[in-house]
Amino acid sequence: MSYSVRVLAQPAVAAGFRLAGLPSLEAASPADGARQVATLLDEPGLGVILVEADIFDAISEEVRHELSRRPLPMVVPFPGPSWERAAEGPEAFIADLLRQAIGYRVKLA
């Protein structure tokens, strides 16, 4: 049996996944997305639900408990886009190298 993948994200992110060829659902808010996750659990043939992290954080404890007891569908959170302005200047290059090497951001003063 083959299983399908579905993406659940905010509209701008869902559009990007659709352009990449993955079927995507849009969530107007994290609470709306959490409700959609609960309904997707009963969809036959669904193997993986990729969920934007903000939506995943809004899923109730009851639904999370249900997810932990079921083998499928697997619910996999992914980080949403960050709209922070990138650091500029020579310090930014060094800070980015440090972040990649040690795994977290360092502020150079």
PDB file of N, CA and C in Angstrom:
ATOM      1  N   MET A   1       0.841  -1.180   0.000  1.00  0.00           N
ATOM      2  CA  MET A   1       0.000   0.000   0.000  1.00  0.00           C
ATOM      3  C   MET A   1       0.885   1.241   0.000  1.00  0.00           C
ATOM      4  N   SER A   2       0.509   2.236  -0.757  1.00  0.00           N
ATOM      5  CA  SER A   2       1.262   3.485  -0.748  1.00  0.00           C
ATOM      6  C   SER A   2       0.512   4.520   0.073  1.00  0.00           C
ATOM      7  N   TYR A   3       1.276   5.388   0.703  1.00  0.00           N
ATOM      8  CA  TYR A   3       0.703   6.418   1.559  1.00  0.00           C
ATOM      9  C   TYR A   3       0.986   7.789   0.953  1.00  0.00           C
ATOM     10  N   SER A   4       0.141   8.730   1.267  1.00  0.00           N
ATOM     11  CA  SER A   4       0.307  10.085   0.733  1.00  0.00           C
ATOM     12  C   SER A   4       0.861  11.024   1.797  1.00  0.00           C
ATOM     13  N   VAL A   5       1.347  12.163   1.325  1.00  0.00           N
ATOM     14  CA  VAL A   5       1.887  13.216   2.178  1.00  0.00           C
ATOM     15  C   VAL A   5       0.996  14.437   2.016  1.00  0.00           C
ATOM     16  N   ARG A   6       0.740  15.124   3.112  1.00  0.00           N
ATOM     17  CA  ARG A   6      -0.046  16.356   3.081  1.00  0.00           C
ATOM     18  C   ARG A   6       0.703  17.400   3.891  1.00  0.00           C
ATOM     19  N   VAL A   7       0.652  18.648   3.464  1.00  0.00           N
ATOM     20  CA  VAL A   7       1.290  19.764   4.158  1.00  0.00           C
ATOM     21  C   VAL A   7       0.201  20.661   4.717  1.00  0.00           C
ATOM     22  N   LEU A   8       0.383  21.110   5.952  1.00  0.00           N
ATOM     23  CA  LEU A   8      -0.543  22.039   6.603  1.00  0.00           C
ATOM     24  C   LEU A   8       0.265  23.231   7.093  1.00  0.00           C
ATOM     25  N   ALA A   9      -0.010  24.414   6.524  1.00  0.00           N
ATOM     26  CA  ALA A   9       0.793  25.596   6.844  1.00  0.00           C
ATOM     27  C   ALA A   9      -0.015  26.861   6.606  1.00  0.00           C
ATOM     28  N   GLN A  10       0.574  27.993   6.977  1.00  0.00           N
ATOM     29  CA  GLN A  10      -0.059  29.274   6.687  1.00  0.00           C
ATOM     30  C   GLN A  10      -0.105  29.452   5.168  1.00  0.00           C
ATOM     31  N   PRO A  11      -1.005  30.296   4.656  1.00  0.00           N
ATOM     32  CA  PRO A  11      -1.224  30.383   3.201  1.00  0.00           C
ATOM     33  C   PRO A  11       0.025  30.605   2.353  1.00  0.00           C
ATOM     34  N   ALA A  12       0.910  31.504   2.744  1.00  0.00           N
ATOM     35  CA  ALA A  12       2.103  31.774   1.924  1.00  0.00           C
ATOM     36  C   ALA A  12       3.018  30.560   1.853  1.00  0.00           C
ATOM     37  N   VAL A  13       3.155  29.860   2.945  1.00  0.00           N
ATOM     38  CA  VAL A  13       4.023  28.681   2.980  1.00  0.00           C
ATOM     39  C   VAL A  13       3.375  27.525   2.219  1.00  0.00           C
ATOM     40  N   ALA A  14       2.065  27.349   2.393  1.00  0.00           N
ATOM     41  CA  ALA A  14       1.348  26.287   1.682  1.00  0.00           C
ATOM     42  C   ALA A  14       1.455  26.469   0.174  1.00  0.00           C
ATOM     43  N   ALA A  15       1.412  27.703  -0.288  1.00  0.00           N
ATOM     44  CA  ALA A  15       1.540  27.975  -1.725  1.00  0.00           C
ATOM     45  C   ALA A  15       2.895  27.511  -2.243  1.00  0.00           C
ATOM     46  N   GLY A  16       3.941  27.720  -1.465  1.00  0.00           N
ATOM     47  CA  GLY A  16       5.271  27.269  -1.868  1.00  0.00           C
ATOM     48  C   GLY A  16       5.351  25.754  -1.986  1.00  0.00           C
ATOM     49  N   PHE A  17       4.739  25.042  -1.050  1.00  0.00           N
ATOM     50  CA  PHE A  17       4.728  23.585  -1.119  1.00  0.00           C
ATOM     51  C   PHE A  17       3.909  23.101  -2.318  1.00  0.00           C
ATOM     52  N   ARG A  18       2.806  23.786  -2.617  1.00  0.00           N
ATOM     53  CA  ARG A  18       2.017  23.422  -3.796  1.00  0.00           C
ATOM     54  C   ARG A  18       2.843  23.600  -5.069  1.00  0.00           C
ATOM     55  N   LEU A  19       3.622  24.674  -5.129  1.00  0.00           N
ATOM     56  CA  LEU A  19       4.493  24.880  -6.292  1.00  0.00           C
ATOM     57  C   LEU A  19       5.518  23.759  -6.417  1.00  0.00           C
ATOM     58  N   ALA A  20       5.913  23.174  -5.294  1.00  0.00           N
ATOM     59  CA  ALA A  20       6.868  22.069  -5.307  1.00  0.00           C
ATOM     60  C   ALA A  20       6.190  20.736  -5.600  1.00  0.00           C
ATOM     61  N   GLY A  21       4.858  20.739  -5.707  1.00  0.00           N
ATOM     62  CA  GLY A  21       4.137  19.525  -6.071  1.00  0.00           C
ATOM     63  C   GLY A  21       3.524  18.753  -4.930  1.00  0.00           C
ATOM     64  N   LEU A  22       3.568  19.283  -3.715  1.00  0.00           N
ATOM     65  CA  LEU A  22       2.954  18.595  -2.576  1.00  0.00           C
ATOM     66  C   LEU A  22       1.557  19.146  -2.310  1.00  0.00           C
ATOM     67  N   PRO A  23       0.576  18.280  -2.095  1.00  0.00           N
ATOM     68  CA  PRO A  23      -0.759  18.768  -1.757  1.00  0.00           C
ATOM     69  C   PRO A  23      -0.726  19.475  -0.407  1.00  0.00           C
ATOM     70  N   SER A  24      -1.276  20.675  -0.363  1.00  0.00           N
ATOM     71  CA  SER A  24      -1.171  21.506   0.844  1.00  0.00           C
ATOM     72  C   SER A  24      -2.523  22.046   1.255  1.00  0.00           C
ATOM     73  N   LEU A  25      -2.695  22.145   2.561  1.00  0.00           N
ATOM     74  CA  LEU A  25      -3.871  22.775   3.147  1.00  0.00           C
ATOM     75  C   LEU A  25      -3.426  24.064   3.817  1.00  0.00           C
ATOM     76  N   GLU A  26      -4.283  25.065   3.768  1.00  0.00           N
ATOM     77  CA  GLU A  26      -3.971  26.342   4.396  1.00  0.00           C
ATOM     78  C   GLU A  26      -4.684  26.460   5.735  1.00  0.00           C
ATOM     79  N   ALA A  27      -3.991  27.018   6.704  1.00  0.00           N
ATOM     80  CA  ALA A  27      -4.568  27.278   8.019  1.00  0.00           C
ATOM     81  C   ALA A  27      -4.585  28.788   8.236  1.00  0.00           C
ATOM     82  N   ALA A  28      -5.753  29.315   8.546  1.00  0.00           N
ATOM     83  CA  ALA A  28      -5.883  30.755   8.776  1.00  0.00           C
ATOM     84  C   ALA A  28      -5.171  31.183  10.055  1.00  0.00           C
ATOM     85  N   SER A  29      -5.110  30.277  11.025  1.00  0.00           N
ATOM     86  CA  SER A  29      -4.458  30.559  12.306  1.00  0.00           C
ATOM     87  C   SER A  29      -3.919  29.240  12.858  1.00  0.00           C
ATOM     88  N   PRO A  30      -3.037  29.297  13.860  1.00  0.00           N
ATOM     89  CA  PRO A  30      -2.571  28.050  14.467  1.00  0.00           C
ATOM     90  C   PRO A  30      -3.709  27.205  15.051  1.00  0.00           C
ATOM     91  N   ALA A  31      -4.702  27.842  15.647  1.00  0.00           N
ATOM     92  CA  ALA A  31      -5.832  27.092  16.204  1.00  0.00           C
ATOM     93  C   ALA A  31      -6.621  26.397  15.098  1.00  0.00           C
ATOM     94  N   ASP A  32      -6.825  27.089  13.981  1.00  0.00           N
ATOM     95  CA  ASP A  32      -7.505  26.485  12.839  1.00  0.00           C
ATOM     96  C   ASP A  32      -6.705  25.295  12.323  1.00  0.00           C
ATOM     97  N   GLY A  33      -5.406  25.439  12.244  1.00  0.00           N
ATOM     98  CA  GLY A  33      -4.555  24.340  11.799  1.00  0.00           C
ATOM     99  C   GLY A  33      -4.612  23.149  12.731  1.00  0.00           C
ATOM    100  N   ALA A  34      -4.649  23.404  14.039  1.00  0.00           N
ATOM    101  CA  ALA A  34      -4.743  22.312  15.014  1.00  0.00           C
ATOM    102  C   ALA A  34      -6.041  21.536  14.819  1.00  0.00           C
ATOM    103  N   ARG A  35      -7.130  22.234  14.529  1.00  0.00           N
ATOM    104  CA  ARG A  35      -8.406  21.553  14.254  1.00  0.00           C
ATOM    105  C   ARG A  35      -8.305  20.706  12.993  1.00  0.00           C
ATOM    106  N   GLN A  36      -7.616  21.218  11.988  1.00  0.00           N
ATOM    107  CA  GLN A  36      -7.463  20.464  10.745  1.00  0.00           C
ATOM    108  C   GLN A  36      -6.626  19.209  10.952  1.00  0.00           C
ATOM    109  N   VAL A  37      -5.601  19.277  11.796  1.00  0.00           N
ATOM    110  CA  VAL A  37      -4.790  18.092  12.091  1.00  0.00           C
ATOM    111  C   VAL A  37      -5.676  17.012  12.687  1.00  0.00           C
ATOM    112  N   ALA A  38      -6.536  17.389  13.621  1.00  0.00           N
ATOM    113  CA  ALA A  38      -7.422  16.419  14.272  1.00  0.00           C
ATOM    114  C   ALA A  38      -8.331  15.727  13.259  1.00  0.00           C
ATOM    115  N   THR A  39      -8.795  16.446  12.246  1.00  0.00           N
ATOM    116  CA  THR A  39      -9.662  15.828  11.242  1.00  0.00           C
ATOM    117  C   THR A  39      -8.867  14.991  10.244  1.00  0.00           C
ATOM    118  N   LEU A  40      -7.617  15.356   9.990  1.00  0.00           N
ATOM    119  CA  LEU A  40      -6.797  14.599   9.043  1.00  0.00           C
ATOM    120  C   LEU A  40      -6.408  13.221   9.574  1.00  0.00           C
ATOM    121  N   LEU A  41      -6.468  13.020  10.868  1.00  0.00           N
ATOM    122  CA  LEU A  41      -6.065  11.741  11.454  1.00  0.00           C
ATOM    123  C   LEU A  41      -6.897  10.584  10.934  1.00  0.00           C
ATOM    124  N   ASP A  42      -8.119  10.845  10.525  1.00  0.00           N
ATOM    125  CA  ASP A  42      -9.005   9.778  10.061  1.00  0.00           C
ATOM    126  C   ASP A  42      -9.009   9.607   8.549  1.00  0.00           C
ATOM    127  N   GLU A  43      -8.168  10.364   7.838  1.00  0.00           N
ATOM    128  CA  GLU A  43      -8.133  10.253   6.383  1.00  0.00           C
ATOM    129  C   GLU A  43      -7.385   8.984   5.977  1.00  0.00           C
ATOM    130  N   PRO A  44      -8.048   8.088   5.228  1.00  0.00           N
ATOM    131  CA  PRO A  44      -7.383   6.832   4.841  1.00  0.00           C
ATOM    132  C   PRO A  44      -6.259   7.086   3.830  1.00  0.00           C
ATOM    133  N   GLY A  45      -5.190   6.322   3.962  1.00  0.00           N
ATOM    134  CA  GLY A  45      -4.072   6.420   3.036  1.00  0.00           C
ATOM    135  C   GLY A  45      -3.108   7.551   3.296  1.00  0.00           C
ATOM    136  N   LEU A  46      -3.327   8.301   4.359  1.00  0.00           N
ATOM    137  CA  LEU A  46      -2.443   9.418   4.681  1.00  0.00           C
ATOM    138  C   LEU A  46      -1.312   8.909   5.572  1.00  0.00           C
ATOM    139  N   GLY A  47      -0.068   9.047   5.102  1.00  0.00           N
ATOM    140  CA  GLY A  47       1.071   8.529   5.852  1.00  0.00           C
ATOM    141  C   GLY A  47       1.841   9.573   6.625  1.00  0.00           C
ATOM    142  N   VAL A  48       1.960  10.794   6.056  1.00  0.00           N
ATOM    143  CA  VAL A  48       2.743  11.853   6.697  1.00  0.00           C
ATOM    144  C   VAL A  48       2.008  13.177   6.560  1.00  0.00           C
ATOM    145  N   ILE A  49       1.940  13.910   7.664  1.00  0.00           N
ATOM    146  CA  ILE A  49       1.418  15.274   7.652  1.00  0.00           C
ATOM    147  C   ILE A  49       2.566  16.185   8.077  1.00  0.00           C
ATOM    148  N   LEU A  50       3.011  17.040   7.160  1.00  0.00           N
ATOM    149  CA  LEU A  50       4.028  18.043   7.484  1.00  0.00           C
ATOM    150  C   LEU A  50       3.300  19.272   8.005  1.00  0.00           C
ATOM    151  N   VAL A  51       3.602  19.672   9.222  1.00  0.00           N
ATOM    152  CA  VAL A  51       2.874  20.744   9.897  1.00  0.00           C
ATOM    153  C   VAL A  51       3.838  21.853  10.288  1.00  0.00           C
ATOM    154  N   GLU A  52       3.481  23.081   9.951  1.00  0.00           N
ATOM    155  CA  GLU A  52       4.296  24.224  10.359  1.00  0.00           C
ATOM    156  C   GLU A  52       4.361  24.268  11.889  1.00  0.00           C
ATOM    157  N   ALA A  53       5.511  24.624  12.434  1.00  0.00           N
ATOM    158  CA  ALA A  53       5.758  24.540  13.876  1.00  0.00           C
ATOM    159  C   ALA A  53       4.737  25.313  14.712  1.00  0.00           C
ATOM    160  N   ASP A  54       4.317  26.492  14.274  1.00  0.00           N
ATOM    161  CA  ASP A  54       3.328  27.262  15.036  1.00  0.00           C
ATOM    162  C   ASP A  54       2.016  26.497  15.165  1.00  0.00           C
ATOM    163  N   ILE A  55       1.637  25.793  14.117  1.00  0.00           N
ATOM    164  CA  ILE A  55       0.414  24.993  14.155  1.00  0.00           C
ATOM    165  C   ILE A  55       0.615  23.791  15.065  1.00  0.00           C
ATOM    166  N   PHE A  56       1.768  23.147  14.953  1.00  0.00           N
ATOM    167  CA  PHE A  56       2.051  21.991  15.797  1.00  0.00           C
ATOM    168  C   PHE A  56       1.992  22.357  17.274  1.00  0.00           C
ATOM    169  N   ASP A  57       2.514  23.527  17.623  1.00  0.00           N
ATOM    170  CA  ASP A  57       2.493  23.976  19.021  1.00  0.00           C
ATOM    171  C   ASP A  57       1.074  24.205  19.530  1.00  0.00           C
ATOM    172  N   ALA A  58       0.119  24.470  18.628  1.00  0.00           N
ATOM    173  CA  ALA A  58      -1.266  24.724  19.028  1.00  0.00           C
ATOM    174  C   ALA A  58      -2.091  23.446  19.165  1.00  0.00           C
ATOM    175  N   ILE A  59      -1.530  22.294  18.824  1.00  0.00           N
ATOM    176  CA  ILE A  59      -2.264  21.031  18.935  1.00  0.00           C
ATOM    177  C   ILE A  59      -2.481  20.702  20.404  1.00  0.00           C
ATOM    178  N   SER A  60      -3.692  20.323  20.747  1.00  0.00           N
ATOM    179  CA  SER A  60      -4.042  20.036  22.141  1.00  0.00           C
ATOM    180  C   SER A  60      -3.325  18.782  22.643  1.00  0.00           C
ATOM    181  N   GLU A  61      -3.208  18.679  23.959  1.00  0.00           N
ATOM    182  CA  GLU A  61      -2.574  17.516  24.579  1.00  0.00           C
ATOM    183  C   GLU A  61      -3.325  16.231  24.232  1.00  0.00           C
ATOM    184  N   GLU A  62      -4.628  16.317  24.140  1.00  0.00           N
ATOM    185  CA  GLU A  62      -5.441  15.143  23.805  1.00  0.00           C
ATOM    186  C   GLU A  62      -5.078  14.607  22.417  1.00  0.00           C
ATOM    187  N   VAL A  63      -4.970  15.503  21.448  1.00  0.00           N
ATOM    188  CA  VAL A  63      -4.621  15.090  20.084  1.00  0.00           C
ATOM    189  C   VAL A  63      -3.171  14.611  20.039  1.00  0.00           C
ATOM    190  N   ARG A  64      -2.277  15.245  20.765  1.00  0.00           N
ATOM    191  CA  ARG A  64      -0.875  14.797  20.797  1.00  0.00           C
ATOM    192  C   ARG A  64      -0.779  13.387  21.377  1.00  0.00           C
ATOM    193  N   HIS A  65      -1.591  13.114  22.391  1.00  0.00           N
ATOM    194  CA  HIS A  65      -1.612  11.778  22.982  1.00  0.00           C
ATOM    195  C   HIS A  65      -2.096  10.761  21.948  1.00  0.00           C
ATOM    196  N   GLU A  66      -3.123  11.131  21.211  1.00  0.00           N
ATOM    197  CA  GLU A  66      -3.628  10.264  20.142  1.00  0.00           C
ATOM    198  C   GLU A  66      -2.536  10.015  19.087  1.00  0.00           C
ATOM    199  N   LEU A  67      -1.787  11.054  18.732  1.00  0.00           N
ATOM    200  CA  LEU A  67      -0.700  10.913  17.756  1.00  0.00           C
ATOM    201  C   LEU A  67       0.374   9.952  18.251  1.00  0.00           C
ATOM    202  N   SER A  68       0.667   9.995  19.527  1.00  0.00           N
ATOM    203  CA  SER A  68       1.722   9.132  20.070  1.00  0.00           C
ATOM    204  C   SER A  68       1.309   7.666  20.091  1.00  0.00           C
ATOM    205  N   ARG A  69       0.017   7.396  20.057  1.00  0.00           N
ATOM    206  CA  ARG A  69      -0.475   6.017  20.094  1.00  0.00           C
ATOM    207  C   ARG A  69      -0.661   5.421  18.703  1.00  0.00           C
ATOM    208  N   ARG A  70      -0.618   6.229  17.665  1.00  0.00           N
ATOM    209  CA  ARG A  70      -0.888   5.767  16.306  1.00  0.00           C
ATOM    210  C   ARG A  70       0.398   5.708  15.485  1.00  0.00           C
ATOM    211  N   PRO A  71       0.548   4.656  14.684  1.00  0.00           N
ATOM    212  CA  PRO A  71       1.730   4.618  13.815  1.00  0.00           C
ATOM    213  C   PRO A  71       1.608   5.563  12.623  1.00  0.00           C
ATOM    214  N   LEU A  72       0.399   5.740  12.098  1.00  0.00           N
ATOM    215  CA  LEU A  72       0.154   6.607  10.944  1.00  0.00           C
ATOM    216  C   LEU A  72      -1.112   7.415  11.163  1.00  0.00           C
ATOM    217  N   PRO A  73      -1.183   8.577  10.675  1.00  0.00           N
ATOM    218  CA  PRO A  73      -0.140   9.304   9.966  1.00  0.00           C
ATOM    219  C   PRO A  73       0.894   9.872  10.935  1.00  0.00           C
ATOM    220  N   MET A  74       2.116   9.970  10.466  1.00  0.00           N
ATOM    221  CA  MET A  74       3.171  10.619  11.241  1.00  0.00           C
ATOM    222  C   MET A  74       3.009  12.121  11.062  1.00  0.00           C
ATOM    223  N   VAL A  75       3.034  12.853  12.150  1.00  0.00           N
ATOM    224  CA  VAL A  75       2.935  14.312  12.092  1.00  0.00           C
ATOM    225  C   VAL A  75       4.323  14.873  12.349  1.00  0.00           C
ATOM    226  N   VAL A  76       4.853  15.584  11.351  1.00  0.00           N
ATOM    227  CA  VAL A  76       6.223  16.082  11.405  1.00  0.00           C
ATOM    228  C   VAL A  76       6.209  17.611  11.349  1.00  0.00           C
ATOM    229  N   PRO A  77       6.630  18.272  12.441  1.00  0.00           N
ATOM    230  CA  PRO A  77       6.673  19.746  12.408  1.00  0.00           C
ATOM    231  C   PRO A  77       7.896  20.242  11.635  1.00  0.00           C
ATOM    232  N   PHE A  78       7.744  21.389  11.002  1.00  0.00           N
ATOM    233  CA  PHE A  78       8.868  22.038  10.333  1.00  0.00           C
ATOM    234  C   PHE A  78       8.823  23.521  10.671  1.00  0.00           C
ATOM    235  N   PRO A  79       9.981  24.177  10.746  1.00  0.00           N
ATOM    236  CA  PRO A  79       9.996  25.599  11.112  1.00  0.00           C
ATOM    237  C   PRO A  79       9.420  26.462   9.997  1.00  0.00           C
ATOM    238  N   GLY A  80       8.664  27.458  10.401  1.00  0.00           N
ATOM    239  CA  GLY A  80       8.119  28.407   9.437  1.00  0.00           C
ATOM    240  C   GLY A  80       9.174  29.411   9.025  1.00  0.00           C
ATOM    241  N   PRO A  81       8.836  30.254   8.083  1.00  0.00           N
ATOM    242  CA  PRO A  81       9.813  31.248   7.621  1.00  0.00           C
ATOM    243  C   PRO A  81      10.109  32.280   8.700  1.00  0.00           C
ATOM    244  N   SER A  82      11.312  32.792   8.671  1.00  0.00           N
ATOM    245  CA  SER A  82      11.712  33.852   9.582  1.00  0.00           C
ATOM    246  C   SER A  82      11.877  35.124   8.768  1.00  0.00           C
ATOM    247  N   TRP A  83      11.167  36.156   9.146  1.00  0.00           N
ATOM    248  CA  TRP A  83      11.203  37.396   8.382  1.00  0.00           C
ATOM    249  C   TRP A  83      12.136  38.418   9.013  1.00  0.00           C
ATOM    250  N   GLU A  84      13.058  37.940   9.865  1.00  0.00           N
ATOM    251  CA  GLU A  84      14.019  38.845  10.490  1.00  0.00           C
ATOM    252  C   GLU A  84      15.002  39.349   9.436  1.00  0.00           C
ATOM    253  N   ARG A  85      15.411  40.575   9.601  1.00  0.00           N
ATOM    254  CA  ARG A  85      16.395  41.151   8.685  1.00  0.00           C
ATOM    255  C   ARG A  85      17.758  40.532   8.975  1.00  0.00           C
ATOM    256  N   ALA A  86      18.447  40.148   7.940  1.00  0.00           N
ATOM    257  CA  ALA A  86      19.772  39.545   8.096  1.00  0.00           C
ATOM    258  C   ALA A  86      20.767  40.581   8.602  1.00  0.00           C
ATOM    259  N   ALA A  87      21.708  40.125   9.406  1.00  0.00           N
ATOM    260  CA  ALA A  87      22.749  41.004   9.915  1.00  0.00           C
ATOM    261  C   ALA A  87      23.646  41.434   8.759  1.00  0.00           C
ATOM    262  N   GLU A  88      24.197  42.614   8.873  1.00  0.00           N
ATOM    263  CA  GLU A  88      25.031  43.147   7.801  1.00  0.00           C
ATOM    264  C   GLU A  88      26.434  43.417   8.319  1.00  0.00           C
ATOM    265  N   GLY A  89      27.382  43.510   7.403  1.00  0.00           N
ATOM    266  CA  GLY A  89      28.754  43.847   7.752  1.00  0.00           C
ATOM    267  C   GLY A  89      29.621  42.625   7.942  1.00  0.00           C
ATOM    268  N   PRO A  90      30.919  42.862   8.186  1.00  0.00           N
ATOM    269  CA  PRO A  90      31.849  41.736   8.327  1.00  0.00           C
ATOM    270  C   PRO A  90      31.547  40.860   9.542  1.00  0.00           C
ATOM    271  N   GLU A  91      30.966  41.458  10.592  1.00  0.00           N
ATOM    272  CA  GLU A  91      30.614  40.665  11.767  1.00  0.00           C
ATOM    273  C   GLU A  91      29.549  39.630  11.439  1.00  0.00           C
ATOM    274  N   ALA A  92      28.680  39.949  10.488  1.00  0.00           N
ATOM    275  CA  ALA A  92      27.609  39.029  10.113  1.00  0.00           C
ATOM    276  C   ALA A  92      28.180  37.748   9.517  1.00  0.00           C
ATOM    277  N   PHE A  93      29.213  37.872   8.709  1.00  0.00           N
ATOM    278  CA  PHE A  93      29.832  36.699   8.106  1.00  0.00           C
ATOM    279  C   PHE A  93      30.424  35.801   9.187  1.00  0.00           C
ATOM    280  N   ILE A  94      31.137  36.407  10.127  1.00  0.00           N
ATOM    281  CA  ILE A  94      31.758  35.631  11.210  1.00  0.00           C
ATOM    282  C   ILE A  94      30.687  35.010  12.096  1.00  0.00           C
ATOM    283  N   ALA A  95      29.654  35.778  12.425  1.00  0.00           N
ATOM    284  CA  ALA A  95      28.572  35.251  13.261  1.00  0.00           C
ATOM    285  C   ALA A  95      27.866  34.082  12.574  1.00  0.00           C
ATOM    286  N   ASP A  96      27.682  34.168  11.262  1.00  0.00           N
ATOM    287  CA  ASP A  96      27.037  33.079  10.527  1.00  0.00           C
ATOM    288  C   ASP A  96      27.915  31.829  10.536  1.00  0.00           C
ATOM    289  N   LEU A  97      29.224  31.993  10.365  1.00  0.00           N
ATOM    290  CA  LEU A  97      30.132  30.841  10.430  1.00  0.00           C
ATOM    291  C   LEU A  97      30.089  30.193  11.812  1.00  0.00           C
ATOM    292  N   LEU A  98      30.088  31.015  12.859  1.00  0.00           N
ATOM    293  CA  LEU A  98      30.015  30.477  14.222  1.00  0.00           C
ATOM    294  C   LEU A  98      28.693  29.744  14.456  1.00  0.00           C
ATOM    295  N   ARG A  99      27.596  30.312  13.955  1.00  0.00           N
ATOM    296  CA  ARG A  99      26.288  29.675  14.121  1.00  0.00           C
ATOM    297  C   ARG A  99      26.282  28.307  13.453  1.00  0.00           C
ATOM    298  N   GLN A 100      26.842  28.207  12.259  1.00  0.00           N
ATOM    299  CA  GLN A 100      26.883  26.933  11.553  1.00  0.00           C
ATOM    300  C   GLN A 100      27.789  25.926  12.279  1.00  0.00           C
ATOM    301  N   ALA A 101      28.903  26.400  12.836  1.00  0.00           N
ATOM    302  CA  ALA A 101      29.859  25.504  13.472  1.00  0.00           C
ATOM    303  C   ALA A 101      29.390  25.011  14.838  1.00  0.00           C
ATOM    304  N   ILE A 102      28.806  25.905  15.641  1.00  0.00           N
ATOM    305  CA  ILE A 102      28.451  25.501  17.010  1.00  0.00           C
ATOM    306  C   ILE A 102      26.958  25.343  17.235  1.00  0.00           C
ATOM    307  N   GLY A 103      26.142  25.725  16.256  1.00  0.00           N
ATOM    308  CA  GLY A 103      24.723  25.427  16.341  1.00  0.00           C
ATOM    309  C   GLY A 103      23.845  26.484  16.968  1.00  0.00           C
ATOM    310  N   TYR A 104      24.380  27.609  17.374  1.00  0.00           N
ATOM    311  CA  TYR A 104      23.526  28.689  17.861  1.00  0.00           C
ATOM    312  C   TYR A 104      24.156  30.018  17.552  1.00  0.00           C
ATOM    313  N   ARG A 105      23.353  31.034  17.642  1.00  0.00           N
ATOM    314  CA  ARG A 105      23.774  32.379  17.233  1.00  0.00           C
ATOM    315  C   ARG A 105      24.604  33.034  18.343  1.00  0.00           C
ATOM    316  N   VAL A 106      25.702  33.678  17.931  1.00  0.00           N
ATOM    317  CA  VAL A 106      26.581  34.399  18.839  1.00  0.00           C
ATOM    318  C   VAL A 106      26.522  35.876  18.476  1.00  0.00           C
ATOM    319  N   LYS A 107      26.354  36.730  19.468  1.00  0.00           N
ATOM    320  CA  LYS A 107      26.342  38.163  19.205  1.00  0.00           C
ATOM    321  C   LYS A 107      27.728  38.709  19.458  1.00  0.00           C
ATOM    322  N   LEU A 108      28.292  39.287  18.403  1.00  0.00           N
ATOM    323  CA  LEU A 108      29.614  39.897  18.520  1.00  0.00           C
ATOM    324  C   LEU A 108      29.453  41.352  18.885  1.00  0.00           C
ATOM    325  N   ALA A 109      30.107  41.777  19.949  1.00  0.00           N
ATOM    326  CA  ALA A 109      29.965  43.165  20.392  1.00  0.00           C
ATOM    327  C   ALA A 109      31.213  43.940  20.154  1.00  0.00           C
TER     328      ALA A 109
END
